[in-house]
Amino acid sequence: MLYLAYGSNINKEQMKERCKDALFVTSGLLEDYTLVFDGYSNSRGGLVADIRKELGKKVPYVLWRISDLDLRMLDCAEGYKKDRPNTQNSYYRTTINIPEFGNVYVYLMTPTFISKRQENHIIPSEYISIIKDGYRYFRLDISYLEKAINNVKS
């Protein structure tokens, strides 16, 4: 199965820790979505990445091939349990269609954790570094990330 990463899971070291079987497939730009930092993570202690549907925008991504075990590990890391209401999950798991690959798994922030953004306007510097390392390693256009970070500060 395929998993689309747009935040800290584009970092190959983090993915290796979380998903032992993960294999890089490709990188690209997801059409009609924008990168935002609109959710709060208790474990990170600040704002974390999410994507939102927005016509005409693009988000860099990394596509990973993952195993069933990897998917369960990602569910745990992303605060998702399929048997509980999304109001109690940090992210929910869904699919997005990537033209050459079909439907791929992705995690999107739940409204409950987006609302916690009001309490905190800081993106942890360590979290930003993890994402930047992924962008550099996979040669993604870092201007998308910088714009999303600057939108939090304004």
C-alpha atoms as a PDB file:
ATOM      1  CA  MET A   1       0.000   0.000   0.000  1.00  0.00           C
ATOM      2  CA  LEU A   2       1.054   3.610  -0.519  1.00  0.00           C
ATOM      3  CA  TYR A   3       1.251   6.441   2.009  1.00  0.00           C
ATOM      4  CA  LEU A   4       1.579  10.154   1.185  1.00  0.00           C
ATOM      5  CA  ALA A   5       3.714  12.173   3.613  1.00  0.00           C
ATOM      6  CA  TYR A   6       3.776  15.986   3.638  1.00  0.00           C
ATOM      7  CA  GLY A   7       5.075  16.855   7.131  1.00  0.00           C
ATOM      8  CA  SER A   8       7.679  15.261   9.366  1.00  0.00           C
ATOM      9  CA  ASN A   9       7.162  11.846   7.756  1.00  0.00           C
ATOM     10  CA  ILE A  10       8.950  13.074   4.645  1.00  0.00           C
ATOM     11  CA  ASN A  11      12.073  12.733   6.778  1.00  0.00           C
ATOM     12  CA  LYS A  12      13.612   9.372   5.886  1.00  0.00           C
ATOM     13  CA  GLU A  13      15.184   8.892   9.321  1.00  0.00           C
ATOM     14  CA  GLN A  14      11.868   9.434  11.095  1.00  0.00           C
ATOM     15  CA  MET A  15      10.116   7.081   8.672  1.00  0.00           C
ATOM     16  CA  LYS A  16      12.797   4.446   9.205  1.00  0.00           C
ATOM     17  CA  GLU A  17      12.130   4.684  12.969  1.00  0.00           C
ATOM     18  CA  ARG A  18       8.359   4.565  12.612  1.00  0.00           C
ATOM     19  CA  CYS A  19       8.001   2.202   9.650  1.00  0.00           C
ATOM     20  CA  LYS A  20      10.698  -0.457   9.313  1.00  0.00           C
ATOM     21  CA  ASP A  21       9.388  -1.694   5.957  1.00  0.00           C
ATOM     22  CA  ALA A  22       8.840   1.722   4.316  1.00  0.00           C
ATOM     23  CA  LEU A  23      10.336   2.171   0.863  1.00  0.00           C
ATOM     24  CA  PHE A  24      10.598   5.448  -1.011  1.00  0.00           C
ATOM     25  CA  VAL A  25       8.479   5.440  -4.176  1.00  0.00           C
ATOM     26  CA  THR A  26       8.579   9.015  -5.475  1.00  0.00           C
ATOM     27  CA  SER A  27       8.182  12.658  -4.573  1.00  0.00           C
ATOM     28  CA  GLY A  28       6.018  15.258  -6.221  1.00  0.00           C
ATOM     29  CA  LEU A  29       3.552  18.096  -5.859  1.00  0.00           C
ATOM     30  CA  LEU A  30       0.004  17.417  -4.696  1.00  0.00           C
ATOM     31  CA  GLU A  31      -2.353  19.585  -6.736  1.00  0.00           C
ATOM     32  CA  ASP A  32      -5.122  21.680  -5.165  1.00  0.00           C
ATOM     33  CA  TYR A  33      -3.869  21.398  -1.571  1.00  0.00           C
ATOM     34  CA  THR A  34      -1.903  23.771   0.611  1.00  0.00           C
ATOM     35  CA  LEU A  35       0.466  23.100   3.520  1.00  0.00           C
ATOM     36  CA  VAL A  36      -0.598  24.617   6.841  1.00  0.00           C
ATOM     37  CA  PHE A  37       0.405  24.410  10.481  1.00  0.00           C
ATOM     38  CA  ASP A  38      -3.064  24.443  11.963  1.00  0.00           C
ATOM     39  CA  GLY A  39      -3.141  21.662  14.522  1.00  0.00           C
ATOM     40  CA  TYR A  40      -1.661  21.223  17.961  1.00  0.00           C
ATOM     41  CA  SER A  41       0.378  18.211  19.044  1.00  0.00           C
ATOM     42  CA  ASN A  42       0.790  17.452  22.744  1.00  0.00           C
ATOM     43  CA  SER A  43       3.799  15.228  22.058  1.00  0.00           C
ATOM     44  CA  ARG A  44       5.533  17.887  19.929  1.00  0.00           C
ATOM     45  CA  GLY A  45       4.473  20.729  22.222  1.00  0.00           C
ATOM     46  CA  GLY A  46       3.292  22.997  19.444  1.00  0.00           C
ATOM     47  CA  LEU A  47       1.774  23.332  15.999  1.00  0.00           C
ATOM     48  CA  VAL A  48       2.153  20.560  13.450  1.00  0.00           C
ATOM     49  CA  ALA A  49       1.669  20.181   9.710  1.00  0.00           C
ATOM     50  CA  ASP A  50      -1.592  19.510   7.941  1.00  0.00           C
ATOM     51  CA  ILE A  51      -2.862  19.954   4.398  1.00  0.00           C
ATOM     52  CA  ARG A  52      -6.060  21.638   3.286  1.00  0.00           C
ATOM     53  CA  LYS A  53      -7.917  21.508   0.006  1.00  0.00           C
ATOM     54  CA  GLU A  54      -7.283  24.757  -1.898  1.00  0.00           C
ATOM     55  CA  LEU A  55      -7.705  25.046  -5.642  1.00  0.00           C
ATOM     56  CA  GLY A  56      -4.626  26.155  -7.533  1.00  0.00           C
ATOM     57  CA  LYS A  57      -2.199  25.471  -4.655  1.00  0.00           C
ATOM     58  CA  LYS A  58       0.403  22.697  -4.369  1.00  0.00           C
ATOM     59  CA  VAL A  59       2.078  20.748  -1.594  1.00  0.00           C
ATOM     60  CA  PRO A  60       5.358  18.830  -1.900  1.00  0.00           C
ATOM     61  CA  TYR A  61       5.032  15.213  -0.833  1.00  0.00           C
ATOM     62  CA  VAL A  62       6.920  11.962  -0.528  1.00  0.00           C
ATOM     63  CA  LEU A  63       5.182   8.725  -1.388  1.00  0.00           C
ATOM     64  CA  TRP A  64       6.161   5.645   0.617  1.00  0.00           C
ATOM     65  CA  ARG A  65       5.308   1.984   0.065  1.00  0.00           C
ATOM     66  CA  ILE A  66       4.398   0.625   3.501  1.00  0.00           C
ATOM     67  CA  SER A  67       3.367  -2.690   5.026  1.00  0.00           C
ATOM     68  CA  ASP A  68       0.289  -3.430   7.151  1.00  0.00           C
ATOM     69  CA  LEU A  69       2.508  -3.259  10.234  1.00  0.00           C
ATOM     70  CA  ASP A  70       3.849   0.131   9.100  1.00  0.00           C
ATOM     71  CA  LEU A  71       0.269   1.406   8.725  1.00  0.00           C
ATOM     72  CA  ARG A  72      -0.524   0.341  12.294  1.00  0.00           C
ATOM     73  CA  MET A  73       2.649   2.074  13.503  1.00  0.00           C
ATOM     74  CA  LEU A  74       1.667   5.250  11.638  1.00  0.00           C
ATOM     75  CA  ASP A  75      -1.830   5.088  13.142  1.00  0.00           C
ATOM     76  CA  CYS A  76      -0.243   5.058  16.585  1.00  0.00           C
ATOM     77  CA  ALA A  77       2.281   7.830  15.785  1.00  0.00           C
ATOM     78  CA  GLU A  78      -0.433  10.046  14.279  1.00  0.00           C
ATOM     79  CA  GLY A  79      -2.846   9.577  17.188  1.00  0.00           C
ATOM     80  CA  TYR A  80      -5.398   7.676  15.103  1.00  0.00           C
ATOM     81  CA  LYS A  81      -7.582   4.795  16.259  1.00  0.00           C
ATOM     82  CA  LYS A  82     -10.196   3.681  13.761  1.00  0.00           C
ATOM     83  CA  ASP A  83     -12.569   2.465  16.489  1.00  0.00           C
ATOM     84  CA  ARG A  84     -12.925   5.834  18.243  1.00  0.00           C
ATOM     85  CA  PRO A  85     -14.670   9.023  17.112  1.00  0.00           C
ATOM     86  CA  ASN A  86     -12.534  11.465  15.117  1.00  0.00           C
ATOM     87  CA  THR A  87     -13.152  14.067  17.835  1.00  0.00           C
ATOM     88  CA  GLN A  88     -10.802  11.956  19.971  1.00  0.00           C
ATOM     89  CA  ASN A  89      -8.188  11.404  17.260  1.00  0.00           C
ATOM     90  CA  SER A  90      -5.389  13.848  16.449  1.00  0.00           C
ATOM     91  CA  TYR A  91      -5.439  12.941  12.769  1.00  0.00           C
ATOM     92  CA  TYR A  92      -7.804  10.794  10.763  1.00  0.00           C
ATOM     93  CA  ARG A  93      -6.721   8.418   8.033  1.00  0.00           C
ATOM     94  CA  THR A  94      -8.243   8.804   4.575  1.00  0.00           C
ATOM     95  CA  THR A  95      -7.208   8.446   0.947  1.00  0.00           C
ATOM     96  CA  ILE A  96      -6.261  10.948  -1.737  1.00  0.00           C
ATOM     97  CA  ASN A  97      -6.047  10.133  -5.417  1.00  0.00           C
ATOM     98  CA  ILE A  98      -2.631  10.582  -7.004  1.00  0.00           C
ATOM     99  CA  PRO A  99      -3.105  10.286 -10.788  1.00  0.00           C
ATOM    100  CA  GLU A 100      -0.325   7.793 -11.523  1.00  0.00           C
ATOM    101  CA  PHE A 101      -0.822   5.766  -8.333  1.00  0.00           C
ATOM    102  CA  GLY A 102      -4.536   5.798  -7.513  1.00  0.00           C
ATOM    103  CA  ASN A 103      -5.781   6.188  -3.944  1.00  0.00           C
ATOM    104  CA  VAL A 104      -3.032   6.532  -1.343  1.00  0.00           C
ATOM    105  CA  TYR A 105      -3.297   6.814   2.425  1.00  0.00           C
ATOM    106  CA  VAL A 106      -2.841  10.196   4.091  1.00  0.00           C
ATOM    107  CA  TYR A 107      -3.490  11.590   7.583  1.00  0.00           C
ATOM    108  CA  LEU A 108      -5.388  14.858   8.005  1.00  0.00           C
ATOM    109  CA  MET A 109      -5.808  16.841  11.221  1.00  0.00           C
ATOM    110  CA  THR A 110      -9.181  16.483  12.954  1.00  0.00           C
ATOM    111  CA  PRO A 111     -11.203  19.646  13.725  1.00  0.00           C
ATOM    112  CA  THR A 112     -10.726  19.045  17.469  1.00  0.00           C
ATOM    113  CA  PHE A 113      -6.971  19.455  17.212  1.00  0.00           C
ATOM    114  CA  ILE A 114      -7.213  22.302  14.710  1.00  0.00           C
ATOM    115  CA  SER A 115      -9.230  24.219  17.303  1.00  0.00           C
ATOM    116  CA  LYS A 116      -6.376  23.818  19.811  1.00  0.00           C
ATOM    117  CA  ARG A 117      -4.293  26.084  17.554  1.00  0.00           C
ATOM    118  CA  GLN A 118      -5.946  29.039  19.277  1.00  0.00           C
ATOM    119  CA  GLU A 119      -4.002  28.118  22.413  1.00  0.00           C
ATOM    120  CA  ASN A 120      -0.573  27.959  20.812  1.00  0.00           C
ATOM    121  CA  HIS A 121       1.081  29.732  17.895  1.00  0.00           C
ATOM    122  CA  ILE A 122       4.517  28.103  18.005  1.00  0.00           C
ATOM    123  CA  ILE A 123       5.927  25.483  15.660  1.00  0.00           C
ATOM    124  CA  PRO A 124       8.652  23.636  17.599  1.00  0.00           C
ATOM    125  CA  SER A 125      12.054  24.331  16.026  1.00  0.00           C
ATOM    126  CA  GLU A 126      13.037  20.648  16.266  1.00  0.00           C
ATOM    127  CA  TYR A 127       9.893  19.738  14.305  1.00  0.00           C
ATOM    128  CA  ILE A 128      10.722  22.292  11.601  1.00  0.00           C
ATOM    129  CA  SER A 129      14.265  20.885  11.380  1.00  0.00           C
ATOM    130  CA  ILE A 130      12.938  17.347  10.861  1.00  0.00           C
ATOM    131  CA  ILE A 131      10.749  18.535   7.992  1.00  0.00           C
ATOM    132  CA  LYS A 132      13.500  20.695   6.457  1.00  0.00           C
ATOM    133  CA  ASP A 133      15.894  17.736   6.505  1.00  0.00           C
ATOM    134  CA  GLY A 134      13.314  15.732   4.559  1.00  0.00           C
ATOM    135  CA  TYR A 135      12.828  18.541   2.060  1.00  0.00           C
ATOM    136  CA  ARG A 136      16.581  18.786   1.517  1.00  0.00           C
ATOM    137  CA  TYR A 137      17.134  15.045   1.238  1.00  0.00           C
ATOM    138  CA  PHE A 138      14.371  14.596  -1.344  1.00  0.00           C
ATOM    139  CA  ARG A 139      15.180  17.932  -3.064  1.00  0.00           C
ATOM    140  CA  LEU A 140      11.727  19.391  -2.508  1.00  0.00           C
ATOM    141  CA  ASP A 141      11.095  23.106  -3.006  1.00  0.00           C
ATOM    142  CA  ILE A 142      11.506  24.509   0.498  1.00  0.00           C
ATOM    143  CA  SER A 143       9.626  27.709  -0.389  1.00  0.00           C
ATOM    144  CA  TYR A 144       6.325  25.849   0.183  1.00  0.00           C
ATOM    145  CA  LEU A 145       7.411  25.014   3.724  1.00  0.00           C
ATOM    146  CA  GLU A 146       8.712  28.521   4.415  1.00  0.00           C
ATOM    147  CA  LYS A 147       5.455  30.078   3.232  1.00  0.00           C
ATOM    148  CA  ALA A 148       3.426  27.805   5.546  1.00  0.00           C
ATOM    149  CA  ILE A 149       5.692  28.698   8.492  1.00  0.00           C
ATOM    150  CA  ASN A 150       5.433  32.426   7.722  1.00  0.00           C
ATOM    151  CA  ASN A 151       1.635  32.202   7.553  1.00  0.00           C
ATOM    152  CA  VAL A 152       1.619  31.113  11.217  1.00  0.00           C
ATOM    153  CA  LYS A 153       3.747  34.088  12.225  1.00  0.00           C
ATOM    154  CA  SER A 154       1.551  36.646  10.458  1.00  0.00           C
END
